[in-house]
Amino acid sequence: MDTLNKKNYNLEENIKIPDFICETNFDFQQNNENNEDILTFSLYKSPKPVFINFWATWCGPCVGEMPDLQKLFNKYNKTIDFIFINCGANKEELYDFLKKNNYNLPLGFDEKNELAYSFNVKAIPMTILVNKDKIIKNIIIGARSEDQYEKLIKGII
C-alpha cells in the first residue's frame, strides 16, 4: 500500500477519531467481515475507550516508558483497549523486543509507517486517549510517567 495515497488526518482533542484497522499480535476477539479469526485491531469495533501509543524500538523515551505502560496495561486492560503501534520495525524485531523485555503488550504493526503517516505522527512517543464514543480526549507528545497516564486514563473510563 502506498502511503502517498493515504489520507493524512490532523488530529485534535474533542473530535471523533477516524477509524483504523491494523494487524496485531493480540487477540482482541474482533473478526473481519468474513468472520475469520485473524489478529487485527479495529478501533470502531472496540466497545471500550482506547489507549493508542505510537512508538519505536530505537526511540529512547519510547522504550523508557514501556515498563510503566506495561503496568497500566496490566491494571486497566479489562476496562480499556490498549494498542501500541510500532513505527517501522518488522514483526520479528518486535517479538524479540517483547520477549527480551518480558512484555505482553498488544502491538500494532506499522512497518511501512502508514498509520503514523495517516495520523500525522511527527514525534514519538505519541499517545492518543479516546473515549468509548471514539472522541479524542488527549493527545500526548513525549513520554509520561505511570501516574501522569493514570490520571488521563481515569478521565476516559
N, C-alpha and C. Protein backbone atom coordinates (compact mmCIF):
# COMPACT_ATOMS: atom_id res chain seq x y z
N MET A 1 0.84 -1.18 0.00
CA MET A 1 0.00 0.00 0.00
C MET A 1 0.89 1.24 0.00
N ASP A 2 0.61 2.15 -0.85
CA ASP A 2 1.41 3.36 -0.99
C ASP A 2 0.89 4.44 -0.05
N THR A 3 1.73 4.90 0.87
CA THR A 3 1.29 5.89 1.84
C THR A 3 0.96 7.23 1.19
N LEU A 4 1.47 7.50 0.00
CA LEU A 4 1.16 8.77 -0.65
C LEU A 4 -0.31 8.87 -1.01
N ASN A 5 -0.98 7.75 -1.14
CA ASN A 5 -2.40 7.75 -1.46
C ASN A 5 -3.28 7.70 -0.21
N LYS A 6 -2.68 7.62 0.96
CA LYS A 6 -3.43 7.56 2.21
C LYS A 6 -3.81 8.98 2.64
N LYS A 7 -4.95 9.10 3.29
CA LYS A 7 -5.37 10.38 3.81
C LYS A 7 -4.54 10.73 5.04
N ASN A 8 -4.22 11.99 5.19
CA ASN A 8 -3.46 12.47 6.33
C ASN A 8 -4.41 13.30 7.20
N TYR A 9 -4.64 12.84 8.45
CA TYR A 9 -5.57 13.50 9.35
C TYR A 9 -4.84 14.42 10.31
N ASN A 10 -5.40 15.58 10.54
CA ASN A 10 -4.92 16.45 11.61
C ASN A 10 -5.80 16.16 12.82
N LEU A 11 -5.23 15.51 13.79
CA LEU A 11 -5.99 15.13 14.97
C LEU A 11 -6.03 16.28 15.97
N GLU A 12 -7.16 16.41 16.62
CA GLU A 12 -7.34 17.42 17.65
C GLU A 12 -8.17 16.82 18.77
N GLU A 13 -8.00 17.35 19.96
CA GLU A 13 -8.82 16.89 21.07
C GLU A 13 -10.27 17.28 20.83
N ASN A 14 -11.17 16.45 21.34
CA ASN A 14 -12.62 16.64 21.29
C ASN A 14 -13.23 16.50 19.90
N ILE A 15 -12.53 15.80 19.00
CA ILE A 15 -13.13 15.44 17.71
C ILE A 15 -13.15 13.91 17.62
N LYS A 16 -14.01 13.40 16.76
CA LYS A 16 -14.08 11.96 16.57
C LYS A 16 -12.86 11.50 15.77
N ILE A 17 -12.22 10.47 16.26
CA ILE A 17 -11.03 9.95 15.59
C ILE A 17 -11.46 9.08 14.41
N PRO A 18 -10.76 9.16 13.28
CA PRO A 18 -11.09 8.28 12.16
C PRO A 18 -10.83 6.82 12.52
N ASP A 19 -11.60 5.93 11.97
CA ASP A 19 -11.42 4.51 12.20
C ASP A 19 -10.12 4.04 11.57
N PHE A 20 -9.54 3.00 12.14
CA PHE A 20 -8.39 2.36 11.53
C PHE A 20 -8.37 0.90 11.93
N ILE A 21 -7.71 0.12 11.10
CA ILE A 21 -7.53 -1.31 11.35
C ILE A 21 -6.05 -1.59 11.19
N CYS A 22 -5.50 -2.37 12.10
CA CYS A 22 -4.10 -2.76 11.94
C CYS A 22 -3.91 -4.20 12.39
N GLU A 23 -2.92 -4.82 11.80
CA GLU A 23 -2.55 -6.16 12.20
C GLU A 23 -1.88 -6.09 13.57
N THR A 24 -2.09 -7.10 14.38
CA THR A 24 -1.58 -7.09 15.74
C THR A 24 -1.14 -8.48 16.18
N ASN A 25 -0.48 -8.54 17.32
CA ASN A 25 -0.07 -9.80 17.92
C ASN A 25 -1.06 -10.27 18.97
N PHE A 26 -2.16 -9.57 19.15
CA PHE A 26 -3.07 -9.76 20.28
C PHE A 26 -4.46 -10.11 19.77
N ASP A 27 -5.13 -11.01 20.45
CA ASP A 27 -6.48 -11.39 20.05
C ASP A 27 -7.50 -10.49 20.75
N PHE A 28 -7.95 -9.46 20.05
CA PHE A 28 -8.98 -8.57 20.58
C PHE A 28 -10.37 -9.17 20.38
N GLN A 29 -10.42 -10.35 19.80
CA GLN A 29 -11.67 -11.06 19.50
C GLN A 29 -12.59 -10.20 18.64
N GLN A 30 -11.98 -9.54 17.67
CA GLN A 30 -12.72 -8.79 16.67
C GLN A 30 -12.51 -9.52 15.34
N ASN A 31 -13.57 -9.96 14.75
CA ASN A 31 -13.46 -10.70 13.49
C ASN A 31 -13.57 -9.76 12.31
N ASN A 32 -12.97 -10.20 11.20
CA ASN A 32 -13.09 -9.40 9.98
C ASN A 32 -14.45 -9.70 9.33
N GLU A 33 -14.71 -9.08 8.20
CA GLU A 33 -16.01 -9.23 7.54
C GLU A 33 -16.31 -10.67 7.10
N ASN A 34 -15.30 -11.51 6.96
CA ASN A 34 -15.51 -12.91 6.59
C ASN A 34 -15.59 -13.82 7.80
N ASN A 35 -15.65 -13.23 9.00
CA ASN A 35 -15.69 -13.98 10.26
C ASN A 35 -14.52 -14.93 10.44
N GLU A 36 -13.38 -14.60 9.85
CA GLU A 36 -12.17 -15.38 10.07
C GLU A 36 -11.49 -14.81 11.30
N ASP A 37 -10.97 -15.69 12.13
CA ASP A 37 -10.23 -15.22 13.29
C ASP A 37 -8.83 -14.83 12.84
N ILE A 38 -8.59 -13.54 12.77
CA ILE A 38 -7.27 -13.05 12.44
C ILE A 38 -6.88 -12.03 13.50
N LEU A 39 -5.63 -11.84 13.68
CA LEU A 39 -5.16 -10.93 14.71
C LEU A 39 -5.11 -9.51 14.16
N THR A 40 -6.22 -8.80 14.36
CA THR A 40 -6.30 -7.40 13.96
C THR A 40 -6.96 -6.61 15.07
N PHE A 41 -6.73 -5.31 15.02
CA PHE A 41 -7.42 -4.39 15.91
C PHE A 41 -8.18 -3.41 15.05
N SER A 42 -9.46 -3.23 15.33
CA SER A 42 -10.28 -2.26 14.63
C SER A 42 -10.81 -1.27 15.67
N LEU A 43 -10.46 -0.02 15.53
CA LEU A 43 -10.83 0.99 16.51
C LEU A 43 -12.34 1.03 16.72
N TYR A 44 -13.10 1.06 15.65
CA TYR A 44 -14.54 1.22 15.80
C TYR A 44 -15.26 -0.06 16.22
N LYS A 45 -14.59 -1.19 16.18
CA LYS A 45 -15.19 -2.42 16.71
C LYS A 45 -14.98 -2.54 18.22
N SER A 46 -14.15 -1.70 18.77
CA SER A 46 -13.90 -1.74 20.21
C SER A 46 -15.03 -1.01 20.94
N PRO A 47 -15.68 -1.67 21.90
CA PRO A 47 -16.73 -1.00 22.67
C PRO A 47 -16.16 -0.18 23.83
N LYS A 48 -14.86 -0.23 24.00
CA LYS A 48 -14.21 0.39 25.16
C LYS A 48 -13.50 1.69 24.76
N PRO A 49 -13.11 2.48 25.75
CA PRO A 49 -12.14 3.55 25.47
C PRO A 49 -10.84 2.91 24.97
N VAL A 50 -10.01 3.70 24.28
CA VAL A 50 -8.80 3.14 23.68
C VAL A 50 -7.60 4.03 24.00
N PHE A 51 -6.49 3.36 24.35
CA PHE A 51 -5.20 3.99 24.59
C PHE A 51 -4.32 3.61 23.40
N ILE A 52 -3.99 4.57 22.55
CA ILE A 52 -3.19 4.33 21.35
C ILE A 52 -1.82 4.96 21.57
N ASN A 53 -0.77 4.18 21.41
CA ASN A 53 0.58 4.69 21.61
C ASN A 53 1.41 4.39 20.37
N PHE A 54 1.93 5.44 19.72
CA PHE A 54 2.86 5.29 18.61
C PHE A 54 4.27 5.33 19.18
N TRP A 55 5.10 4.36 18.81
CA TRP A 55 6.43 4.25 19.41
C TRP A 55 7.36 3.52 18.44
N ALA A 56 8.64 3.45 18.81
CA ALA A 56 9.62 2.70 18.02
C ALA A 56 10.66 2.10 18.96
N THR A 57 11.23 0.98 18.53
CA THR A 57 12.22 0.29 19.35
C THR A 57 13.51 1.09 19.47
N TRP A 58 13.80 1.97 18.52
CA TRP A 58 15.04 2.76 18.53
C TRP A 58 14.88 4.07 19.30
N CYS A 59 13.68 4.36 19.79
CA CYS A 59 13.36 5.63 20.46
C CYS A 59 13.57 5.46 21.97
N GLY A 60 14.58 6.14 22.50
CA GLY A 60 14.89 6.03 23.93
C GLY A 60 13.73 6.37 24.85
N PRO A 61 13.05 7.52 24.65
CA PRO A 61 11.90 7.83 25.52
C PRO A 61 10.76 6.81 25.39
N CYS A 62 10.56 6.27 24.18
CA CYS A 62 9.52 5.26 23.97
C CYS A 62 9.82 4.02 24.80
N VAL A 63 11.03 3.52 24.67
CA VAL A 63 11.44 2.32 25.38
C VAL A 63 11.47 2.59 26.89
N GLY A 64 11.85 3.81 27.26
CA GLY A 64 11.92 4.17 28.66
C GLY A 64 10.58 4.15 29.38
N GLU A 65 9.49 4.46 28.66
CA GLU A 65 8.18 4.47 29.31
C GLU A 65 7.47 3.12 29.25
N MET A 66 8.05 2.16 28.55
CA MET A 66 7.41 0.85 28.40
C MET A 66 7.13 0.13 29.73
N PRO A 67 8.03 0.14 30.71
CA PRO A 67 7.69 -0.54 31.98
C PRO A 67 6.42 0.04 32.63
N ASP A 68 6.28 1.38 32.59
CA ASP A 68 5.07 1.99 33.14
C ASP A 68 3.84 1.65 32.30
N LEU A 69 4.00 1.60 31.00
CA LEU A 69 2.88 1.25 30.13
C LEU A 69 2.45 -0.20 30.35
N GLN A 70 3.41 -1.07 30.59
CA GLN A 70 3.07 -2.46 30.89
C GLN A 70 2.24 -2.55 32.18
N LYS A 71 2.64 -1.77 33.20
CA LYS A 71 1.88 -1.75 34.46
C LYS A 71 0.46 -1.24 34.23
N LEU A 72 0.31 -0.19 33.43
CA LEU A 72 -1.02 0.34 33.14
C LEU A 72 -1.86 -0.65 32.36
N PHE A 73 -1.23 -1.32 31.39
CA PHE A 73 -1.94 -2.35 30.63
C PHE A 73 -2.42 -3.45 31.58
N ASN A 74 -1.55 -3.91 32.47
CA ASN A 74 -1.92 -4.96 33.41
C ASN A 74 -3.08 -4.53 34.29
N LYS A 75 -3.11 -3.28 34.68
CA LYS A 75 -4.13 -2.77 35.60
C LYS A 75 -5.46 -2.47 34.91
N TYR A 76 -5.42 -1.95 33.68
CA TYR A 76 -6.64 -1.43 33.03
C TYR A 76 -7.09 -2.18 31.78
N ASN A 77 -6.45 -3.29 31.40
CA ASN A 77 -6.79 -3.90 30.12
C ASN A 77 -8.19 -4.49 30.05
N LYS A 78 -8.84 -4.69 31.17
CA LYS A 78 -10.24 -5.16 31.15
C LYS A 78 -11.20 -4.00 30.91
N THR A 79 -10.75 -2.79 31.19
CA THR A 79 -11.59 -1.60 31.12
C THR A 79 -11.42 -0.82 29.82
N ILE A 80 -10.18 -0.78 29.32
CA ILE A 80 -9.92 -0.07 28.07
C ILE A 80 -9.05 -0.96 27.18
N ASP A 81 -9.12 -0.71 25.88
CA ASP A 81 -8.24 -1.40 24.94
C ASP A 81 -6.96 -0.58 24.76
N PHE A 82 -5.85 -1.26 24.77
CA PHE A 82 -4.55 -0.65 24.51
C PHE A 82 -4.04 -1.18 23.17
N ILE A 83 -3.44 -0.31 22.37
CA ILE A 83 -2.77 -0.74 21.16
C ILE A 83 -1.48 0.09 21.03
N PHE A 84 -0.37 -0.60 20.95
CA PHE A 84 0.95 0.03 20.87
C PHE A 84 1.45 -0.13 19.44
N ILE A 85 1.29 0.92 18.66
CA ILE A 85 1.59 0.87 17.23
C ILE A 85 3.05 1.20 17.02
N ASN A 86 3.79 0.20 16.58
CA ASN A 86 5.22 0.39 16.36
C ASN A 86 5.46 0.96 14.98
N CYS A 87 6.30 1.96 14.93
CA CYS A 87 6.62 2.65 13.68
C CYS A 87 7.92 2.09 13.11
N GLY A 88 7.81 1.29 12.08
CA GLY A 88 8.98 0.92 11.30
C GLY A 88 9.60 -0.44 11.50
N ALA A 89 9.45 -1.08 12.63
CA ALA A 89 10.11 -2.37 12.85
C ALA A 89 9.29 -3.50 12.24
N ASN A 90 9.99 -4.59 11.88
CA ASN A 90 9.26 -5.76 11.37
C ASN A 90 8.81 -6.63 12.55
N LYS A 91 7.94 -7.58 12.26
CA LYS A 91 7.35 -8.42 13.31
C LYS A 91 8.41 -9.17 14.11
N GLU A 92 9.39 -9.71 13.43
CA GLU A 92 10.42 -10.49 14.13
C GLU A 92 11.15 -9.62 15.16
N GLU A 93 11.51 -8.41 14.77
CA GLU A 93 12.16 -7.48 15.70
C GLU A 93 11.27 -7.20 16.91
N LEU A 94 9.99 -7.02 16.65
CA LEU A 94 9.06 -6.68 17.72
C LEU A 94 8.83 -7.85 18.68
N TYR A 95 8.69 -9.05 18.12
CA TYR A 95 8.54 -10.21 19.00
C TYR A 95 9.80 -10.41 19.85
N ASP A 96 10.97 -10.19 19.27
CA ASP A 96 12.22 -10.27 20.04
C ASP A 96 12.25 -9.21 21.14
N PHE A 97 11.80 -8.00 20.83
CA PHE A 97 11.75 -6.93 21.82
C PHE A 97 10.85 -7.30 22.98
N LEU A 98 9.65 -7.82 22.69
CA LEU A 98 8.72 -8.22 23.75
C LEU A 98 9.33 -9.30 24.63
N LYS A 99 9.90 -10.32 23.99
CA LYS A 99 10.46 -11.44 24.73
C LYS A 99 11.64 -11.00 25.60
N LYS A 100 12.54 -10.23 25.02
CA LYS A 100 13.74 -9.76 25.73
C LYS A 100 13.38 -8.95 26.97
N ASN A 101 12.30 -8.17 26.88
CA ASN A 101 11.90 -7.29 27.97
C ASN A 101 10.76 -7.83 28.82
N ASN A 102 10.31 -9.04 28.51
CA ASN A 102 9.24 -9.70 29.26
C ASN A 102 7.95 -8.86 29.27
N TYR A 103 7.58 -8.31 28.09
CA TYR A 103 6.35 -7.55 27.93
C TYR A 103 5.30 -8.43 27.25
N ASN A 104 4.05 -8.17 27.57
CA ASN A 104 2.95 -8.85 26.87
C ASN A 104 1.94 -7.83 26.36
N LEU A 105 2.45 -6.82 25.69
CA LEU A 105 1.63 -5.71 25.21
C LEU A 105 1.04 -6.02 23.83
N PRO A 106 -0.17 -5.52 23.56
CA PRO A 106 -0.76 -5.68 22.23
C PRO A 106 -0.13 -4.69 21.25
N LEU A 107 0.63 -5.22 20.33
CA LEU A 107 1.33 -4.40 19.34
C LEU A 107 0.50 -4.23 18.08
N GLY A 108 0.56 -3.04 17.52
CA GLY A 108 0.03 -2.80 16.19
C GLY A 108 1.23 -2.70 15.25
N PHE A 109 1.18 -3.43 14.16
CA PHE A 109 2.31 -3.47 13.23
C PHE A 109 2.14 -2.39 12.17
N ASP A 110 3.12 -1.50 12.07
CA ASP A 110 3.10 -0.41 11.10
C ASP A 110 4.49 -0.28 10.48
N GLU A 111 4.95 -1.39 9.89
CA GLU A 111 6.31 -1.45 9.36
C GLU A 111 6.59 -0.39 8.32
N LYS A 112 5.58 -0.03 7.52
CA LYS A 112 5.77 0.98 6.47
C LYS A 112 5.33 2.37 6.92
N ASN A 113 5.02 2.53 8.20
CA ASN A 113 4.61 3.81 8.78
C ASN A 113 3.35 4.40 8.15
N GLU A 114 2.47 3.54 7.65
CA GLU A 114 1.25 4.03 7.02
C GLU A 114 0.29 4.65 8.03
N LEU A 115 0.12 4.00 9.18
CA LEU A 115 -0.75 4.59 10.21
C LEU A 115 -0.13 5.86 10.78
N ALA A 116 1.16 5.83 11.02
CA ALA A 116 1.84 7.02 11.53
C ALA A 116 1.67 8.19 10.56
N TYR A 117 1.76 7.92 9.27
CA TYR A 117 1.54 8.96 8.27
C TYR A 117 0.10 9.46 8.31
N SER A 118 -0.85 8.52 8.32
CA SER A 118 -2.28 8.89 8.32
C SER A 118 -2.64 9.74 9.51
N PHE A 119 -2.05 9.43 10.66
CA PHE A 119 -2.37 10.18 11.88
C PHE A 119 -1.40 11.32 12.14
N ASN A 120 -0.60 11.65 11.14
CA ASN A 120 0.25 12.84 11.19
C ASN A 120 1.19 12.81 12.41
N VAL A 121 1.75 11.63 12.68
CA VAL A 121 2.68 11.50 13.80
C VAL A 121 4.00 12.14 13.40
N LYS A 122 4.36 13.20 14.10
CA LYS A 122 5.60 13.92 13.79
C LYS A 122 6.68 13.67 14.82
N ALA A 123 6.30 13.18 15.99
CA ALA A 123 7.25 12.87 17.06
C ALA A 123 6.71 11.68 17.86
N ILE A 124 7.63 10.88 18.37
CA ILE A 124 7.24 9.74 19.20
C ILE A 124 8.01 9.78 20.50
N PRO A 125 7.47 9.21 21.55
CA PRO A 125 6.17 8.56 21.59
C PRO A 125 5.04 9.59 21.46
N MET A 126 3.96 9.15 20.86
CA MET A 126 2.74 9.94 20.76
C MET A 126 1.59 9.05 21.22
N THR A 127 0.84 9.53 22.18
CA THR A 127 -0.26 8.75 22.74
C THR A 127 -1.56 9.50 22.52
N ILE A 128 -2.58 8.75 22.12
CA ILE A 128 -3.91 9.30 21.90
C ILE A 128 -4.87 8.53 22.80
N LEU A 129 -5.60 9.25 23.65
CA LEU A 129 -6.61 8.63 24.50
C LEU A 129 -7.98 8.97 23.94
N VAL A 130 -8.77 7.92 23.71
CA VAL A 130 -10.06 8.04 23.03
C VAL A 130 -11.13 7.47 23.96
N ASN A 131 -12.22 8.19 24.15
CA ASN A 131 -13.29 7.64 24.99
C ASN A 131 -14.10 6.59 24.22
N LYS A 132 -15.09 5.98 24.87
CA LYS A 132 -15.83 4.88 24.23
C LYS A 132 -16.62 5.34 23.01
N ASP A 133 -16.88 6.64 22.90
CA ASP A 133 -17.58 7.19 21.73
C ASP A 133 -16.62 7.56 20.61
N LYS A 134 -15.33 7.25 20.81
CA LYS A 134 -14.24 7.48 19.85
C LYS A 134 -13.94 8.96 19.64
N ILE A 135 -14.15 9.72 20.71
CA ILE A 135 -13.79 11.13 20.74
C ILE A 135 -12.40 11.23 21.37
N ILE A 136 -11.50 11.95 20.71
CA ILE A 136 -10.15 12.14 21.23
C ILE A 136 -10.22 13.04 22.46
N LYS A 137 -9.74 12.53 23.57
CA LYS A 137 -9.72 13.32 24.80
C LYS A 137 -8.33 13.89 25.09
N ASN A 138 -7.29 13.18 24.71
CA ASN A 138 -5.93 13.66 24.94
C ASN A 138 -5.02 13.22 23.81
N ILE A 139 -4.12 14.12 23.42
CA ILE A 139 -3.02 13.80 22.52
C ILE A 139 -1.75 14.20 23.27
N ILE A 140 -0.91 13.24 23.53
CA ILE A 140 0.29 13.47 24.32
C ILE A 140 1.52 13.20 23.47
N ILE A 141 2.38 14.18 23.33
CA ILE A 141 3.64 14.01 22.63
C ILE A 141 4.73 13.89 23.70
N GLY A 142 5.52 12.84 23.60
CA GLY A 142 6.58 12.62 24.57
C GLY A 142 6.18 11.60 25.62
N ALA A 143 7.17 11.12 26.34
CA ALA A 143 6.96 10.11 27.37
C ALA A 143 6.34 10.74 28.61
N ARG A 144 5.58 9.93 29.32
CA ARG A 144 4.96 10.34 30.58
C ARG A 144 5.17 9.24 31.62
N SER A 145 4.95 9.58 32.86
CA SER A 145 5.06 8.59 33.93
C SER A 145 3.76 7.81 34.08
N GLU A 146 3.84 6.73 34.81
CA GLU A 146 2.65 5.92 35.09
C GLU A 146 1.57 6.77 35.73
N ASP A 147 1.93 7.59 36.72
CA ASP A 147 0.95 8.43 37.40
C ASP A 147 0.30 9.44 36.46
N GLN A 148 1.10 10.05 35.59
CA GLN A 148 0.54 11.03 34.65
C GLN A 148 -0.44 10.36 33.69
N TYR A 149 -0.08 9.20 33.16
CA TYR A 149 -1.00 8.48 32.27
C TYR A 149 -2.24 8.01 33.02
N GLU A 150 -2.05 7.56 34.26
CA GLU A 150 -3.19 7.04 35.01
C GLU A 150 -4.25 8.11 35.23
N LYS A 151 -3.84 9.33 35.51
CA LYS A 151 -4.80 10.43 35.67
C LYS A 151 -5.60 10.63 34.38
N LEU A 152 -4.93 10.55 33.24
CA LEU A 152 -5.60 10.71 31.95
C LEU A 152 -6.52 9.53 31.65
N ILE A 153 -6.06 8.33 31.99
CA ILE A 153 -6.90 7.13 31.77
C ILE A 153 -8.19 7.24 32.57
N LYS A 154 -8.09 7.69 33.81
CA LYS A 154 -9.29 7.83 34.65
C LYS A 154 -10.28 8.82 34.05
N GLY A 155 -9.78 9.74 33.23
CA GLY A 155 -10.66 10.70 32.56
C GLY A 155 -11.43 10.13 31.38
N ILE A 156 -11.06 8.94 30.91
CA ILE A 156 -11.78 8.37 29.77
C ILE A 156 -12.59 7.12 30.14
N ILE A 157 -12.46 6.69 31.40
CA ILE A 157 -13.25 5.49 31.79
C ILE A 157 -14.46 5.86 32.63
